[in-house]
Amino acid sequence: DGADQTLTGLVVKNADGTETISGDGEGFTFTAAVADGTVATDVVNTTGLELPSTGGMGTTLFYAVGGILAAGAGVLLITKKRMNANSSEQ
């Protein structure tokens, strides 16, 4: 509409609506650059909770049973082919 759209201020708010700009809100200090229209803060990378492990004995058991079934199917297949080959020779 031709009106002056110059940024004149920046406000950073918590989720509850309280302002925390350039203040120490829960360990975070925000720095606003009105000329650039940016807000910056330093974030410290810290370790948190450990993720739960997955798998374990349940998957190992499934792998073992599956391997035994696959080996058994292979033995039965070879045995059946040999029996069919012997019966056709006679």
N, C-alpha and C. Protein backbone atom coordinates (compact mmCIF):
# COMPACT_ATOMS: atom_id res chain seq x y z
N ASP A 1 0.82 -1.19 0.00
CA ASP A 1 0.00 0.00 0.00
C ASP A 1 0.86 1.26 0.00
N GLY A 2 2.18 1.09 -0.08
CA GLY A 2 3.07 2.24 -0.13
C GLY A 2 3.46 2.77 1.23
N ALA A 3 2.92 2.20 2.30
CA ALA A 3 3.27 2.67 3.64
C ALA A 3 4.69 2.22 3.99
N ASP A 4 5.33 2.96 4.89
CA ASP A 4 6.66 2.62 5.34
C ASP A 4 6.60 1.33 6.16
N GLN A 5 7.33 0.30 5.71
CA GLN A 5 7.31 -1.00 6.39
C GLN A 5 8.66 -1.30 7.03
N THR A 6 9.19 -0.35 7.75
CA THR A 6 10.47 -0.52 8.43
C THR A 6 10.24 -1.21 9.76
N LEU A 7 11.07 -2.20 10.04
CA LEU A 7 10.99 -2.93 11.30
C LEU A 7 11.50 -2.02 12.41
N THR A 8 10.69 -1.89 13.45
CA THR A 8 11.06 -0.98 14.54
C THR A 8 11.37 -1.71 15.83
N GLY A 9 11.09 -3.00 15.92
CA GLY A 9 11.38 -3.72 17.15
C GLY A 9 11.14 -5.21 17.00
N LEU A 10 11.78 -5.99 17.86
CA LEU A 10 11.60 -7.44 17.89
C LEU A 10 11.31 -7.86 19.31
N VAL A 11 10.41 -8.82 19.47
CA VAL A 11 10.07 -9.34 20.79
C VAL A 11 10.09 -10.86 20.71
N VAL A 12 10.78 -11.49 21.65
CA VAL A 12 10.79 -12.95 21.76
C VAL A 12 10.01 -13.30 23.01
N LYS A 13 9.06 -14.24 22.85
CA LYS A 13 8.21 -14.61 23.99
C LYS A 13 8.30 -16.11 24.24
N ASN A 14 8.14 -16.48 25.50
CA ASN A 14 8.04 -17.88 25.88
C ASN A 14 6.71 -18.44 25.41
N ALA A 15 6.54 -19.73 25.56
CA ALA A 15 5.27 -20.36 25.20
C ALA A 15 4.12 -19.82 26.05
N ASP A 16 4.41 -19.39 27.26
CA ASP A 16 3.34 -18.86 28.12
C ASP A 16 3.06 -17.38 27.85
N GLY A 17 3.79 -16.76 26.91
CA GLY A 17 3.54 -15.38 26.53
C GLY A 17 4.37 -14.35 27.24
N THR A 18 5.24 -14.75 28.14
CA THR A 18 6.08 -13.78 28.85
C THR A 18 7.28 -13.42 27.99
N GLU A 19 7.64 -12.15 27.99
CA GLU A 19 8.77 -11.69 27.19
C GLU A 19 10.09 -12.15 27.81
N THR A 20 11.05 -12.52 26.96
CA THR A 20 12.36 -12.90 27.45
C THR A 20 13.49 -12.26 26.64
N ILE A 21 13.18 -11.25 25.85
CA ILE A 21 14.21 -10.66 25.00
C ILE A 21 15.34 -10.06 25.82
N SER A 22 16.54 -10.41 25.46
CA SER A 22 17.76 -9.93 26.11
C SER A 22 17.77 -10.14 27.61
N GLY A 23 16.93 -11.03 28.08
CA GLY A 23 16.93 -11.38 29.49
C GLY A 23 17.35 -12.82 29.62
N ASP A 24 17.59 -13.25 30.79
CA ASP A 24 18.03 -14.62 31.01
C ASP A 24 16.81 -15.47 31.35
N GLY A 25 16.16 -16.02 30.34
CA GLY A 25 14.97 -16.83 30.55
C GLY A 25 15.32 -18.30 30.43
N GLU A 26 15.33 -19.01 31.51
CA GLU A 26 15.63 -20.44 31.57
C GLU A 26 16.97 -20.77 30.91
N GLY A 27 17.98 -19.94 31.12
CA GLY A 27 19.31 -20.23 30.61
C GLY A 27 19.57 -19.74 29.20
N PHE A 28 18.59 -19.13 28.56
CA PHE A 28 18.76 -18.64 27.21
C PHE A 28 18.80 -17.11 27.21
N THR A 29 19.80 -16.55 26.56
CA THR A 29 19.88 -15.10 26.41
C THR A 29 19.70 -14.79 24.94
N PHE A 30 18.70 -14.01 24.61
CA PHE A 30 18.41 -13.66 23.23
C PHE A 30 19.00 -12.30 22.90
N THR A 31 19.53 -12.17 21.70
CA THR A 31 20.05 -10.90 21.23
C THR A 31 19.31 -10.55 19.95
N ALA A 32 18.68 -9.38 19.93
CA ALA A 32 17.91 -8.96 18.76
C ALA A 32 18.71 -7.96 17.95
N ALA A 33 18.66 -8.12 16.62
CA ALA A 33 19.25 -7.16 15.69
C ALA A 33 18.11 -6.60 14.87
N VAL A 34 17.59 -5.47 15.27
CA VAL A 34 16.41 -4.88 14.63
C VAL A 34 16.72 -4.52 13.18
N ALA A 35 17.92 -4.03 12.91
CA ALA A 35 18.27 -3.64 11.54
C ALA A 35 18.21 -4.82 10.58
N ASP A 36 18.62 -6.02 11.06
CA ASP A 36 18.60 -7.23 10.22
C ASP A 36 17.29 -8.00 10.35
N GLY A 37 16.54 -7.75 11.42
CA GLY A 37 15.30 -8.49 11.66
C GLY A 37 15.57 -9.90 12.15
N THR A 38 16.67 -10.08 12.93
CA THR A 38 17.03 -11.41 13.41
C THR A 38 17.09 -11.43 14.92
N VAL A 39 16.91 -12.62 15.45
CA VAL A 39 17.06 -12.88 16.88
C VAL A 39 18.01 -14.07 17.00
N ALA A 40 19.03 -13.95 17.85
CA ALA A 40 20.03 -15.01 17.99
C ALA A 40 20.18 -15.42 19.44
N THR A 41 20.61 -16.64 19.64
CA THR A 41 20.93 -17.15 20.96
C THR A 41 21.96 -18.25 20.81
N ASP A 42 22.74 -18.49 21.84
CA ASP A 42 23.68 -19.59 21.85
C ASP A 42 22.99 -20.82 22.42
N VAL A 43 23.18 -21.95 21.76
CA VAL A 43 22.59 -23.20 22.21
C VAL A 43 23.71 -24.15 22.57
N VAL A 44 23.68 -24.66 23.79
CA VAL A 44 24.70 -25.58 24.25
C VAL A 44 24.20 -27.00 24.02
N ASN A 45 25.04 -27.81 23.37
CA ASN A 45 24.68 -29.19 23.08
C ASN A 45 25.07 -30.06 24.27
N THR A 46 24.07 -30.56 24.98
CA THR A 46 24.33 -31.43 26.13
C THR A 46 23.63 -32.76 25.91
N THR A 47 24.16 -33.78 26.56
CA THR A 47 23.54 -35.09 26.45
C THR A 47 22.30 -35.13 27.34
N GLY A 48 21.31 -35.82 26.87
CA GLY A 48 20.06 -35.94 27.62
C GLY A 48 19.86 -37.38 28.04
N LEU A 49 18.64 -37.82 27.96
CA LEU A 49 18.31 -39.18 28.32
C LEU A 49 18.82 -40.13 27.26
N GLU A 50 19.11 -41.35 27.66
CA GLU A 50 19.56 -42.37 26.72
C GLU A 50 18.33 -43.03 26.09
N LEU A 51 18.39 -43.23 24.77
CA LEU A 51 17.28 -43.88 24.09
C LEU A 51 17.19 -45.35 24.52
N PRO A 52 16.00 -45.90 24.54
CA PRO A 52 15.86 -47.31 24.94
C PRO A 52 16.47 -48.22 23.87
N SER A 53 17.04 -49.32 24.34
CA SER A 53 17.60 -50.28 23.39
C SER A 53 16.46 -51.08 22.77
N THR A 54 16.67 -51.50 21.54
CA THR A 54 15.65 -52.29 20.85
C THR A 54 16.23 -53.66 20.53
N GLY A 55 15.37 -54.60 20.25
CA GLY A 55 15.84 -55.94 19.92
C GLY A 55 16.05 -56.75 21.18
N GLY A 56 17.24 -57.30 21.30
CA GLY A 56 17.55 -58.12 22.47
C GLY A 56 17.26 -59.58 22.20
N MET A 57 16.86 -60.28 23.24
CA MET A 57 16.64 -61.73 23.13
C MET A 57 15.49 -62.07 22.20
N GLY A 58 14.49 -61.23 22.11
CA GLY A 58 13.34 -61.54 21.24
C GLY A 58 13.74 -61.65 19.78
N THR A 59 14.50 -60.70 19.28
CA THR A 59 14.90 -60.76 17.87
C THR A 59 15.93 -61.86 17.65
N THR A 60 16.80 -62.10 18.63
CA THR A 60 17.79 -63.17 18.49
C THR A 60 17.08 -64.51 18.37
N LEU A 61 16.05 -64.69 19.17
CA LEU A 61 15.29 -65.94 19.12
C LEU A 61 14.61 -66.12 17.76
N PHE A 62 14.02 -65.05 17.22
CA PHE A 62 13.40 -65.13 15.90
C PHE A 62 14.42 -65.46 14.82
N TYR A 63 15.60 -64.86 14.88
CA TYR A 63 16.65 -65.17 13.90
C TYR A 63 17.07 -66.63 14.00
N ALA A 64 17.25 -67.13 15.22
CA ALA A 64 17.68 -68.52 15.40
C ALA A 64 16.63 -69.50 14.87
N VAL A 65 15.38 -69.29 15.24
CA VAL A 65 14.31 -70.18 14.78
C VAL A 65 14.16 -70.09 13.26
N GLY A 66 14.25 -68.90 12.72
CA GLY A 66 14.15 -68.74 11.27
C GLY A 66 15.29 -69.43 10.54
N GLY A 67 16.49 -69.33 11.08
CA GLY A 67 17.64 -70.02 10.47
C GLY A 67 17.49 -71.53 10.50
N ILE A 68 17.01 -72.06 11.63
CA ILE A 68 16.79 -73.51 11.75
C ILE A 68 15.72 -73.97 10.76
N LEU A 69 14.63 -73.21 10.64
CA LEU A 69 13.57 -73.57 9.68
C LEU A 69 14.07 -73.52 8.25
N ALA A 70 14.86 -72.51 7.91
CA ALA A 70 15.40 -72.41 6.55
C ALA A 70 16.35 -73.56 6.25
N ALA A 71 17.21 -73.91 7.21
CA ALA A 71 18.14 -75.04 7.01
C ALA A 71 17.36 -76.34 6.87
N GLY A 72 16.33 -76.53 7.70
CA GLY A 72 15.51 -77.73 7.60
C GLY A 72 14.79 -77.83 6.27
N ALA A 73 14.30 -76.71 5.76
CA ALA A 73 13.62 -76.72 4.46
C ALA A 73 14.61 -77.07 3.35
N GLY A 74 15.84 -76.57 3.47
CA GLY A 74 16.87 -76.90 2.47
C GLY A 74 17.20 -78.38 2.49
N VAL A 75 17.33 -78.97 3.68
CA VAL A 75 17.63 -80.41 3.79
C VAL A 75 16.48 -81.23 3.22
N LEU A 76 15.24 -80.87 3.53
CA LEU A 76 14.08 -81.60 2.99
C LEU A 76 14.00 -81.49 1.47
N LEU A 77 14.31 -80.32 0.93
CA LEU A 77 14.28 -80.13 -0.53
C LEU A 77 15.31 -81.02 -1.21
N ILE A 78 16.53 -81.05 -0.69
CA ILE A 78 17.59 -81.87 -1.28
C ILE A 78 17.24 -83.35 -1.15
N THR A 79 16.74 -83.75 0.00
CA THR A 79 16.37 -85.16 0.21
C THR A 79 15.26 -85.58 -0.75
N LYS A 80 14.27 -84.73 -0.93
CA LYS A 80 13.16 -85.05 -1.83
C LYS A 80 13.63 -85.16 -3.27
N LYS A 81 14.52 -84.25 -3.70
CA LYS A 81 15.04 -84.31 -5.07
C LYS A 81 15.85 -85.57 -5.28
N ARG A 82 16.64 -85.99 -4.30
CA ARG A 82 17.42 -87.22 -4.43
C ARG A 82 16.52 -88.44 -4.48
N MET A 83 15.46 -88.43 -3.67
CA MET A 83 14.53 -89.57 -3.69
C MET A 83 13.81 -89.65 -5.05
N ASN A 84 13.43 -88.50 -5.62
CA ASN A 84 12.78 -88.51 -6.94
C ASN A 84 13.76 -88.95 -8.02
N ALA A 85 15.02 -88.54 -7.89
CA ALA A 85 16.03 -88.95 -8.87
C ALA A 85 16.29 -90.45 -8.79
N ASN A 86 16.33 -91.04 -7.58
CA ASN A 86 16.54 -92.48 -7.41
C ASN A 86 15.35 -93.27 -7.90
N SER A 87 14.13 -92.78 -7.69
CA SER A 87 12.94 -93.52 -8.10
C SER A 87 12.77 -93.49 -9.62
N SER A 88 13.26 -92.46 -10.30
CA SER A 88 13.13 -92.40 -11.75
C SER A 88 14.18 -93.26 -12.44
N GLU A 89 15.30 -93.59 -11.75
CA GLU A 89 16.34 -94.45 -12.32
C GLU A 89 15.89 -95.90 -12.32
N GLN A 90 15.03 -96.29 -11.42
CA GLN A 90 14.64 -97.69 -11.31
C GLN A 90 13.64 -98.08 -12.31
